[in-house]
Amino acid sequence: MVRPGLRTRLRTGLWLGAALQAGMCAAAESVPTFSRDIAPIVYQHCSGCHHPGEAAPFSPLSYEDVKKRAAQIVAVTRSGYMPPWLPEAGYGEFADTRRLSAVEIKTFADWVAQGAPEGPPGETPPAPRFEGGWQLGAPDLVLEAPASFSLPASGPDVFWNFVFRVNAPETRYVRAIEIRPGDRRLVHHANLLIDRTASAHRRETAPNSGFPGMEVTLLRSAAPSTPMASSCSGSRAARRTGAPCAWRRC
């Protein structure tokens, strides 16, 4: 026969144990893991440039690779240095924005503070696969620089303008652009302009040589140069949506 007082204490002990177990599960869920929290961020925002064959210096496609550079990743994401994205926050929304959210940046920091746990490997989403060749399929038009450019082995960044002559006898509508440099490790980004005055070649010191300078000033007319696209090395192909963009024959 169990005395009433003892029965009450036993029940209280069982309820307390259940409450503690539920609290431990909730605490475990709050600790970020690579498999559940970090891998999706890395695969979405970092792997485009950071994968074998691309310009970025290392490939963070596995838990071991990311953990080795965990402290560095926290530092560059907190400062906004990575992922590279120049538009100031709060001044318009852009497609394919690279900027991490405040929640994602904090998730990285909390993960490192908790010892960078891997979590159950079965929860890790499949790493993205990157195929060689054109990202959007075979293009309708390929423009190649008329001459290569030799970059010094050391020194500051070099801004060089290549002049492409488009053989387009009729109006063409541009839906997507992909820039494929000869050596991805040497090219940081590229800006494209439509030279509506066909005057860029006049700045070349020799035919097909291109010309230096970051600020491109072309001859003024009723139809000046028009920005067309900007692309960072390793970024997805620039796809234009909405109203199409067109060029005319130069």
C-alpha atoms as a PDB file:
ATOM      1  CA  MET A   1       0.000   0.000   0.000  1.00  0.00           C
ATOM      2  CA  VAL A   2       1.396   3.386  -1.054  1.00  0.00           C
ATOM      3  CA  ARG A   3       0.770   6.294   1.212  1.00  0.00           C
ATOM      4  CA  PRO A   4      -0.932   9.329  -0.393  1.00  0.00           C
ATOM      5  CA  GLY A   5       1.995  11.625   0.332  1.00  0.00           C
ATOM      6  CA  LEU A   6       4.474   9.320  -1.426  1.00  0.00           C
ATOM      7  CA  ARG A   7       2.178   8.949  -4.439  1.00  0.00           C
ATOM      8  CA  THR A   8       2.064  12.738  -4.822  1.00  0.00           C
ATOM      9  CA  ARG A   9       5.858  13.000  -4.706  1.00  0.00           C
ATOM     10  CA  LEU A  10       6.223  10.258  -7.338  1.00  0.00           C
ATOM     11  CA  ARG A  11       3.830  12.007  -9.699  1.00  0.00           C
ATOM     12  CA  THR A  12       5.627  15.308  -9.213  1.00  0.00           C
ATOM     13  CA  GLY A  13       8.930  13.643 -10.042  1.00  0.00           C
ATOM     14  CA  LEU A  14       7.537  12.179 -13.254  1.00  0.00           C
ATOM     15  CA  TRP A  15       6.098  15.515 -14.383  1.00  0.00           C
ATOM     16  CA  LEU A  16       9.338  17.307 -13.547  1.00  0.00           C
ATOM     17  CA  GLY A  17      11.345  14.762 -15.546  1.00  0.00           C
ATOM     18  CA  ALA A  18       9.094  15.180 -18.554  1.00  0.00           C
ATOM     19  CA  ALA A  19       9.396  18.953 -18.353  1.00  0.00           C
ATOM     20  CA  LEU A  20      13.197  18.773 -18.167  1.00  0.00           C
ATOM     21  CA  GLN A  21      13.321  16.436 -21.157  1.00  0.00           C
ATOM     22  CA  ALA A  22      11.150  18.798 -23.225  1.00  0.00           C
ATOM     23  CA  GLY A  23      13.365  21.733 -22.263  1.00  0.00           C
ATOM     24  CA  MET A  24      16.502  19.849 -23.320  1.00  0.00           C
ATOM     25  CA  CYS A  25      14.941  19.083 -26.729  1.00  0.00           C
ATOM     26  CA  ALA A  26      13.997  22.737 -27.221  1.00  0.00           C
ATOM     27  CA  ALA A  27      17.541  23.840 -26.317  1.00  0.00           C
ATOM     28  CA  ALA A  28      19.014  21.351 -28.775  1.00  0.00           C
ATOM     29  CA  GLU A  29      16.745  22.685 -31.525  1.00  0.00           C
ATOM     30  CA  SER A  30      17.904  26.261 -30.821  1.00  0.00           C
ATOM     31  CA  VAL A  31      21.595  25.434 -31.399  1.00  0.00           C
ATOM     32  CA  PRO A  32      22.407  25.998 -35.097  1.00  0.00           C
ATOM     33  CA  THR A  33      23.961  23.070 -36.934  1.00  0.00           C
ATOM     34  CA  PHE A  34      25.696  22.878 -40.261  1.00  0.00           C
ATOM     35  CA  SER A  35      23.298  20.323 -41.668  1.00  0.00           C
ATOM     36  CA  ARG A  36      20.099  22.151 -40.739  1.00  0.00           C
ATOM     37  CA  ASP A  37      21.027  25.853 -40.687  1.00  0.00           C
ATOM     38  CA  ILE A  38      24.419  26.648 -42.227  1.00  0.00           C
ATOM     39  CA  ALA A  39      24.518  24.441 -45.332  1.00  0.00           C
ATOM     40  CA  PRO A  40      21.381  26.019 -46.898  1.00  0.00           C
ATOM     41  CA  ILE A  41      22.886  29.512 -46.490  1.00  0.00           C
ATOM     42  CA  VAL A  42      26.268  28.507 -47.898  1.00  0.00           C
ATOM     43  CA  TYR A  43      24.774  26.648 -50.838  1.00  0.00           C
ATOM     44  CA  GLN A  44      22.488  29.536 -51.748  1.00  0.00           C
ATOM     45  CA  HIS A  45      24.750  32.551 -51.213  1.00  0.00           C
ATOM     46  CA  CYS A  46      28.358  31.316 -51.388  1.00  0.00           C
ATOM     47  CA  SER A  47      28.701  28.274 -53.613  1.00  0.00           C
ATOM     48  CA  GLY A  48      28.120  30.183 -56.848  1.00  0.00           C
ATOM     49  CA  CYS A  49      31.634  31.632 -56.622  1.00  0.00           C
ATOM     50  CA  HIS A  50      33.135  29.184 -54.108  1.00  0.00           C
ATOM     51  CA  HIS A  51      33.283  25.869 -55.920  1.00  0.00           C
ATOM     52  CA  PRO A  52      35.980  24.013 -57.850  1.00  0.00           C
ATOM     53  CA  GLY A  53      36.898  25.737 -61.087  1.00  0.00           C
ATOM     54  CA  GLU A  54      35.631  29.167 -60.053  1.00  0.00           C
ATOM     55  CA  ALA A  55      37.471  32.335 -59.050  1.00  0.00           C
ATOM     56  CA  ALA A  56      36.977  32.097 -55.273  1.00  0.00           C
ATOM     57  CA  PRO A  57      39.928  30.629 -53.334  1.00  0.00           C
ATOM     58  CA  PHE A  58      38.237  27.705 -51.576  1.00  0.00           C
ATOM     59  CA  SER A  59      35.209  25.467 -51.864  1.00  0.00           C
ATOM     60  CA  PRO A  60      32.779  25.387 -48.879  1.00  0.00           C
ATOM     61  CA  LEU A  61      30.631  22.499 -50.076  1.00  0.00           C
ATOM     62  CA  SER A  62      31.270  20.181 -47.127  1.00  0.00           C
ATOM     63  CA  TYR A  63      31.069  20.477 -43.359  1.00  0.00           C
ATOM     64  CA  GLU A  64      34.839  20.039 -42.989  1.00  0.00           C
ATOM     65  CA  ASP A  65      35.570  22.829 -45.466  1.00  0.00           C
ATOM     66  CA  VAL A  66      33.231  25.293 -43.775  1.00  0.00           C
ATOM     67  CA  LYS A  67      34.335  24.468 -40.229  1.00  0.00           C
ATOM     68  CA  LYS A  68      37.998  25.114 -41.095  1.00  0.00           C
ATOM     69  CA  ARG A  69      37.098  28.689 -42.035  1.00  0.00           C
ATOM     70  CA  ALA A  70      34.212  29.227 -39.622  1.00  0.00           C
ATOM     71  CA  ALA A  71      35.760  32.176 -37.750  1.00  0.00           C
ATOM     72  CA  GLN A  72      36.760  33.838 -41.022  1.00  0.00           C
ATOM     73  CA  ILE A  73      33.254  33.421 -42.421  1.00  0.00           C
ATOM     74  CA  VAL A  74      31.755  35.081 -39.355  1.00  0.00           C
ATOM     75  CA  ALA A  75      34.141  38.031 -39.697  1.00  0.00           C
ATOM     76  CA  VAL A  76      33.500  38.676 -43.392  1.00  0.00           C
ATOM     77  CA  THR A  77      29.723  38.245 -43.145  1.00  0.00           C
ATOM     78  CA  ARG A  78      29.462  40.563 -40.137  1.00  0.00           C
ATOM     79  CA  SER A  79      31.439  43.265 -41.939  1.00  0.00           C
ATOM     80  CA  GLY A  80      29.441  42.873 -45.145  1.00  0.00           C
ATOM     81  CA  TYR A  81      32.587  42.069 -47.108  1.00  0.00           C
ATOM     82  CA  MET A  82      31.004  38.783 -48.132  1.00  0.00           C
ATOM     83  CA  PRO A  83      28.936  37.994 -50.076  1.00  0.00           C
ATOM     84  CA  PRO A  84      30.009  40.835 -52.407  1.00  0.00           C
ATOM     85  CA  TRP A  85      26.999  43.088 -52.984  1.00  0.00           C
ATOM     86  CA  LEU A  86      27.475  46.845 -53.454  1.00  0.00           C
ATOM     87  CA  PRO A  87      23.925  48.315 -53.450  1.00  0.00           C
ATOM     88  CA  GLU A  88      23.123  50.063 -50.184  1.00  0.00           C
ATOM     89  CA  ALA A  89      20.345  48.419 -48.197  1.00  0.00           C
ATOM     90  CA  GLY A  90      17.025  50.227 -48.185  1.00  0.00           C
ATOM     91  CA  TYR A  91      17.285  51.774 -51.654  1.00  0.00           C
ATOM     92  CA  GLY A  92      15.336  49.373 -53.830  1.00  0.00           C
ATOM     93  CA  GLU A  93      14.967  45.652 -54.254  1.00  0.00           C
ATOM     94  CA  PHE A  94      16.978  43.647 -56.773  1.00  0.00           C
ATOM     95  CA  ALA A  95      16.570  40.213 -58.289  1.00  0.00           C
ATOM     96  CA  ASP A  96      19.104  37.614 -57.104  1.00  0.00           C
ATOM     97  CA  THR A  97      20.273  39.804 -54.196  1.00  0.00           C
ATOM     98  CA  ARG A  98      23.462  38.429 -52.659  1.00  0.00           C
ATOM     99  CA  ARG A  99      23.201  40.271 -49.334  1.00  0.00           C
ATOM    100  CA  LEU A 100      22.691  38.070 -46.262  1.00  0.00           C
ATOM    101  CA  SER A 101      19.861  38.906 -43.913  1.00  0.00           C
ATOM    102  CA  ALA A 102      20.507  39.892 -40.304  1.00  0.00           C
ATOM    103  CA  VAL A 103      19.098  36.519 -39.230  1.00  0.00           C
ATOM    104  CA  GLU A 104      21.503  34.615 -41.506  1.00  0.00           C
ATOM    105  CA  ILE A 105      24.505  36.607 -40.270  1.00  0.00           C
ATOM    106  CA  LYS A 106      23.512  35.933 -36.662  1.00  0.00           C
ATOM    107  CA  THR A 107      23.043  32.234 -37.442  1.00  0.00           C
ATOM    108  CA  PHE A 108      26.673  31.997 -38.574  1.00  0.00           C
ATOM    109  CA  ALA A 109      27.874  33.751 -35.416  1.00  0.00           C
ATOM    110  CA  ASP A 110      25.730  31.601 -33.098  1.00  0.00           C
ATOM    111  CA  TRP A 111      26.890  28.430 -34.860  1.00  0.00           C
ATOM    112  CA  VAL A 112      30.557  29.264 -34.293  1.00  0.00           C
ATOM    113  CA  ALA A 113      29.885  30.335 -30.692  1.00  0.00           C
ATOM    114  CA  GLN A 114      28.356  26.890 -30.037  1.00  0.00           C
ATOM    115  CA  GLY A 115      31.405  25.069 -31.396  1.00  0.00           C
ATOM    116  CA  ALA A 116      30.264  24.744 -35.033  1.00  0.00           C
ATOM    117  CA  PRO A 117      28.355  21.445 -34.628  1.00  0.00           C
ATOM    118  CA  GLU A 118      27.671  19.372 -37.706  1.00  0.00           C
ATOM    119  CA  GLY A 119      24.279  18.000 -36.766  1.00  0.00           C
ATOM    120  CA  PRO A 120      22.805  14.822 -38.243  1.00  0.00           C
ATOM    121  CA  PRO A 121      24.458  14.282 -41.645  1.00  0.00           C
ATOM    122  CA  GLY A 122      21.154  13.023 -42.994  1.00  0.00           C
ATOM    123  CA  GLU A 123      19.665  16.509 -42.567  1.00  0.00           C
ATOM    124  CA  THR A 124      22.282  18.119 -44.855  1.00  0.00           C
ATOM    125  CA  PRO A 125      20.699  19.091 -48.181  1.00  0.00           C
ATOM    126  CA  PRO A 126      22.435  17.905 -51.361  1.00  0.00           C
ATOM    127  CA  ALA A 127      25.341  20.148 -52.339  1.00  0.00           C
ATOM    128  CA  PRO A 128      24.714  22.075 -55.555  1.00  0.00           C
ATOM    129  CA  ARG A 129      26.263  20.703 -58.722  1.00  0.00           C
ATOM    130  CA  PHE A 130      27.950  22.949 -61.242  1.00  0.00           C
ATOM    131  CA  GLU A 131      28.306  21.873 -64.818  1.00  0.00           C
ATOM    132  CA  GLY A 132      30.823  23.350 -67.216  1.00  0.00           C
ATOM    133  CA  GLY A 133      29.757  25.309 -70.253  1.00  0.00           C
ATOM    134  CA  TRP A 134      26.988  27.844 -70.617  1.00  0.00           C
ATOM    135  CA  GLN A 135      24.724  28.174 -67.601  1.00  0.00           C
ATOM    136  CA  LEU A 136      21.564  28.921 -69.573  1.00  0.00           C
ATOM    137  CA  GLY A 137      22.112  26.589 -72.501  1.00  0.00           C
ATOM    138  CA  ALA A 138      23.588  27.292 -75.915  1.00  0.00           C
ATOM    139  CA  PRO A 139      23.472  31.047 -76.620  1.00  0.00           C
ATOM    140  CA  ASP A 140      22.007  32.572 -79.764  1.00  0.00           C
ATOM    141  CA  LEU A 141      24.919  34.994 -80.106  1.00  0.00           C
ATOM    142  CA  VAL A 142      28.526  34.779 -78.887  1.00  0.00           C
ATOM    143  CA  LEU A 143      30.788  37.841 -78.894  1.00  0.00           C
ATOM    144  CA  GLU A 144      34.508  37.340 -78.355  1.00  0.00           C
ATOM    145  CA  ALA A 145      37.052  40.019 -77.515  1.00  0.00           C
ATOM    146  CA  PRO A 146      39.059  40.830 -80.649  1.00  0.00           C
ATOM    147  CA  ALA A 147      42.340  40.525 -78.745  1.00  0.00           C
ATOM    148  CA  SER A 148      43.527  39.150 -75.414  1.00  0.00           C
ATOM    149  CA  PHE A 149      44.820  41.352 -72.604  1.00  0.00           C
ATOM    150  CA  SER A 150      47.992  40.585 -70.624  1.00  0.00           C
ATOM    151  CA  LEU A 151      47.620  41.395 -66.947  1.00  0.00           C
ATOM    152  CA  PRO A 152      50.702  42.184 -64.817  1.00  0.00           C
ATOM    153  CA  ALA A 153      51.581  39.571 -62.202  1.00  0.00           C
ATOM    154  CA  SER A 154      51.255  42.128 -59.391  1.00  0.00           C
ATOM    155  CA  GLY A 155      50.010  45.628 -58.766  1.00  0.00           C
ATOM    156  CA  PRO A 156      46.671  47.422 -58.438  1.00  0.00           C
ATOM    157  CA  ASP A 157      43.441  46.513 -60.194  1.00  0.00           C
ATOM    158  CA  VAL A 158      43.375  47.208 -63.912  1.00  0.00           C
ATOM    159  CA  PHE A 159      40.230  48.555 -65.580  1.00  0.00           C
ATOM    160  CA  TRP A 160      40.240  47.792 -69.289  1.00  0.00           C
ATOM    161  CA  ASN A 161      37.563  48.384 -71.910  1.00  0.00           C
ATOM    162  CA  PHE A 162      37.021  45.885 -74.701  1.00  0.00           C
ATOM    163  CA  VAL A 163      35.069  47.091 -77.716  1.00  0.00           C
ATOM    164  CA  PHE A 164      32.748  44.509 -79.241  1.00  0.00           C
ATOM    165  CA  ARG A 165      31.211  45.076 -82.637  1.00  0.00           C
ATOM    166  CA  VAL A 166      27.835  43.377 -82.826  1.00  0.00           C
ATOM    167  CA  ASN A 167      26.861  41.921 -86.173  1.00  0.00           C
ATOM    168  CA  ALA A 168      23.125  42.408 -85.731  1.00  0.00           C
ATOM    169  CA  PRO A 169      21.476  43.512 -88.974  1.00  0.00           C
ATOM    170  CA  GLU A 170      18.127  43.725 -87.240  1.00  0.00           C
ATOM    171  CA  THR A 171      16.780  44.510 -83.793  1.00  0.00           C
ATOM    172  CA  ARG A 172      17.625  41.819 -81.248  1.00  0.00           C
ATOM    173  CA  TYR A 173      16.062  41.508 -77.806  1.00  0.00           C
ATOM    174  CA  VAL A 174      18.383  40.479 -74.991  1.00  0.00           C
ATOM    175  CA  ARG A 175      16.944  38.109 -72.419  1.00  0.00           C
ATOM    176  CA  ALA A 176      20.134  37.001 -70.672  1.00  0.00           C
ATOM    177  CA  ILE A 177      23.868  37.678 -70.657  1.00  0.00           C
ATOM    178  CA  GLU A 178      26.720  35.481 -69.487  1.00  0.00           C
ATOM    179  CA  ILE A 179      30.315  36.679 -69.276  1.00  0.00           C
ATOM    180  CA  ARG A 180      32.998  34.001 -69.536  1.00  0.00           C
ATOM    181  CA  PRO A 181      36.527  35.336 -68.997  1.00  0.00           C
ATOM    182  CA  GLY A 182      39.482  33.311 -70.238  1.00  0.00           C
ATOM    183  CA  ASP A 183      40.875  33.033 -66.686  1.00  0.00           C
ATOM    184  CA  ARG A 184      38.227  33.438 -64.009  1.00  0.00           C
ATOM    185  CA  ARG A 185      40.856  33.952 -61.306  1.00  0.00           C
ATOM    186  CA  LEU A 186      41.924  37.251 -62.853  1.00  0.00           C
ATOM    187  CA  VAL A 187      38.568  38.916 -63.502  1.00  0.00           C
ATOM    188  CA  HIS A 188      36.645  40.502 -60.643  1.00  0.00           C
ATOM    189  CA  HIS A 189      33.673  42.044 -62.437  1.00  0.00           C
ATOM    190  CA  ALA A 190      32.515  43.484 -65.743  1.00  0.00           C
ATOM    191  CA  ASN A 191      30.172  46.301 -66.735  1.00  0.00           C
ATOM    192  CA  LEU A 192      28.463  46.388 -70.130  1.00  0.00           C
ATOM    193  CA  LEU A 193      27.430  49.501 -72.029  1.00  0.00           C
ATOM    194  CA  ILE A 194      25.564  49.873 -75.298  1.00  0.00           C
ATOM    195  CA  ASP A 195      27.521  52.408 -77.352  1.00  0.00           C
ATOM    196  CA  ARG A 196      24.707  53.997 -79.341  1.00  0.00           C
ATOM    197  CA  THR A 197      27.092  56.477 -80.998  1.00  0.00           C
ATOM    198  CA  ALA A 198      29.566  53.787 -82.143  1.00  0.00           C
ATOM    199  CA  SER A 199      32.356  56.009 -80.823  1.00  0.00           C
ATOM    200  CA  ALA A 200      34.157  53.700 -78.384  1.00  0.00           C
ATOM    201  CA  HIS A 201      36.592  52.460 -81.027  1.00  0.00           C
ATOM    202  CA  ARG A 202      37.817  56.046 -81.483  1.00  0.00           C
ATOM    203  CA  ARG A 203      39.464  55.855 -78.067  1.00  0.00           C
ATOM    204  CA  GLU A 204      41.588  52.865 -79.051  1.00  0.00           C
ATOM    205  CA  THR A 205      45.233  53.598 -79.728  1.00  0.00           C
ATOM    206  CA  ALA A 206      45.305  50.698 -82.206  1.00  0.00           C
ATOM    207  CA  PRO A 207      42.544  48.695 -83.899  1.00  0.00           C
ATOM    208  CA  ASN A 208      40.947  46.149 -81.559  1.00  0.00           C
ATOM    209  CA  SER A 209      43.282  47.131 -78.701  1.00  0.00           C
ATOM    210  CA  GLY A 210      40.681  48.471 -76.272  1.00  0.00           C
ATOM    211  CA  PHE A 211      41.457  51.319 -73.883  1.00  0.00           C
ATOM    212  CA  PRO A 212      42.001  51.851 -70.140  1.00  0.00           C
ATOM    213  CA  GLY A 213      39.859  53.611 -67.557  1.00  0.00           C
ATOM    214  CA  MET A 214      36.957  52.909 -65.261  1.00  0.00           C
ATOM    215  CA  GLU A 215      34.885  55.932 -66.231  1.00  0.00           C
ATOM    216  CA  VAL A 216      33.859  55.546 -69.870  1.00  0.00           C
ATOM    217  CA  THR A 217      32.987  58.834 -71.570  1.00  0.00           C
ATOM    218  CA  LEU A 218      31.735  58.452 -75.124  1.00  0.00           C
ATOM    219  CA  LEU A 219      30.707  61.059 -77.633  1.00  0.00           C
ATOM    220  CA  ARG A 220      27.485  62.777 -76.702  1.00  0.00           C
ATOM    221  CA  SER A 221      24.488  62.536 -78.979  1.00  0.00           C
ATOM    222  CA  ALA A 222      20.747  62.188 -78.837  1.00  0.00           C
ATOM    223  CA  ALA A 223      21.304  58.484 -78.042  1.00  0.00           C
ATOM    224  CA  PRO A 224      24.213  58.200 -75.574  1.00  0.00           C
ATOM    225  CA  SER A 225      25.660  55.017 -74.133  1.00  0.00           C
ATOM    226  CA  THR A 226      23.253  52.943 -72.061  1.00  0.00           C
ATOM    227  CA  PRO A 227      24.158  50.667 -69.129  1.00  0.00           C
ATOM    228  CA  MET A 228      23.166  47.147 -70.067  1.00  0.00           C
ATOM    229  CA  ALA A 229      24.381  44.784 -67.366  1.00  0.00           C
ATOM    230  CA  SER A 230      26.873  44.265 -64.581  1.00  0.00           C
ATOM    231  CA  SER A 231      28.280  40.931 -63.531  1.00  0.00           C
ATOM    232  CA  CYS A 232      30.679  39.682 -60.863  1.00  0.00           C
ATOM    233  CA  SER A 233      32.970  36.775 -61.562  1.00  0.00           C
ATOM    234  CA  GLY A 234      31.195  33.572 -60.618  1.00  0.00           C
ATOM    235  CA  SER A 235      27.737  35.105 -60.497  1.00  0.00           C
ATOM    236  CA  ARG A 236      24.773  33.618 -62.241  1.00  0.00           C
ATOM    237  CA  ALA A 237      24.079  34.773 -65.759  1.00  0.00           C
ATOM    238  CA  ALA A 238      22.349  38.142 -65.754  1.00  0.00           C
ATOM    239  CA  ARG A 239      18.766  37.527 -66.827  1.00  0.00           C
ATOM    240  CA  ARG A 240      16.574  40.488 -67.631  1.00  0.00           C
ATOM    241  CA  THR A 241      12.868  40.302 -66.838  1.00  0.00           C
ATOM    242  CA  GLY A 242      10.009  42.607 -67.738  1.00  0.00           C
ATOM    243  CA  ALA A 243      10.438  44.971 -70.687  1.00  0.00           C
ATOM    244  CA  PRO A 244      13.090  43.655 -73.093  1.00  0.00           C
ATOM    245  CA  CYS A 245      16.346  45.429 -73.871  1.00  0.00           C
ATOM    246  CA  ALA A 246      17.396  45.909 -77.482  1.00  0.00           C
ATOM    247  CA  TRP A 247      20.457  46.996 -79.409  1.00  0.00           C
ATOM    248  CA  ARG A 248      20.761  48.434 -82.847  1.00  0.00           C
ATOM    249  CA  ARG A 249      23.444  47.752 -85.381  1.00  0.00           C
ATOM    250  CA  CYS A 250      26.571  49.940 -84.940  1.00  0.00           C
END
